[in-house]
Protein backbone atom coordinates (compact mmCIF):
# COMPACT_ATOMS: atom_id res chain seq x y z
CA MET A 1 -26.09 -18.22 -6.67
CA GLU A 2 -27.36 -15.36 -4.56
CA THR A 3 -26.25 -17.01 -1.31
CA PHE A 4 -22.77 -17.51 -2.78
CA LEU A 5 -22.55 -13.80 -3.59
CA GLU A 6 -23.64 -12.89 -0.05
CA PHE A 7 -21.01 -15.25 1.36
CA LEU A 8 -18.34 -13.74 -0.90
CA ARG A 9 -19.38 -10.23 0.13
CA GLU A 10 -19.11 -11.11 3.83
CA VAL A 11 -15.67 -12.65 3.32
CA LEU A 12 -14.44 -9.56 1.49
CA LYS A 13 -15.84 -7.29 4.21
CA GLY A 14 -13.97 -9.29 6.83
CA ILE A 15 -10.72 -9.11 4.87
CA VAL A 16 -11.02 -5.35 4.37
CA ARG A 17 -11.83 -4.88 8.05
CA GLU A 18 -8.78 -6.88 9.15
CA ILE A 19 -6.47 -5.03 6.77
CA SER A 20 -7.71 -1.63 7.90
CA ALA A 21 -7.37 -2.64 11.57
CA PHE A 22 -3.80 -3.80 10.92
CA PHE A 23 -2.81 -0.51 9.31
CA PHE A 24 -4.59 1.47 12.04
CA ARG A 25 -2.65 -0.39 14.72
CA LYS A 26 0.63 -0.01 12.87
CA ASN A 27 0.29 3.69 12.02
CA VAL A 28 -1.62 5.14 14.96
CA LEU A 29 -1.16 3.04 18.05
CA GLU A 30 2.51 2.14 17.65
CA LYS A 31 3.59 5.74 17.04
CA LYS A 32 3.24 6.55 20.73
CA LYS A 33 6.53 6.79 22.56
CA THR A 34 6.71 4.16 25.27
CA THR A 35 8.81 6.32 27.62
CA PRO A 36 9.07 10.09 27.57
CA ARG A 37 12.42 11.37 26.41
CA ARG A 38 14.64 13.09 28.94
CA ARG A 39 17.13 15.79 28.08
CA LYS A 40 20.70 14.64 28.18
CA GLN A 41 22.45 15.75 31.32
CA ARG A 42 25.63 17.63 30.73
CA GLY A 43 28.70 16.37 32.51
CA GLY A 44 30.70 18.34 35.06
CA SER A 45 29.65 20.52 37.93
CA ARG A 46 28.04 23.89 37.44
CA ASN A 47 28.50 26.72 39.88
CA LYS A 48 26.41 29.85 39.71
CA ASN A 49 28.63 32.85 40.57
């Protein structure tokens, strides 16, 4: 009985670890922008006078 409880505890620890790693990847690592945003260039020519 005791070995079954240890086995169950290890399985639950693995499940919790995988779930927390999934949410960490989703919330922290994927929030990074892949390319930096550039400002939109305005059309037309600009002359400084």
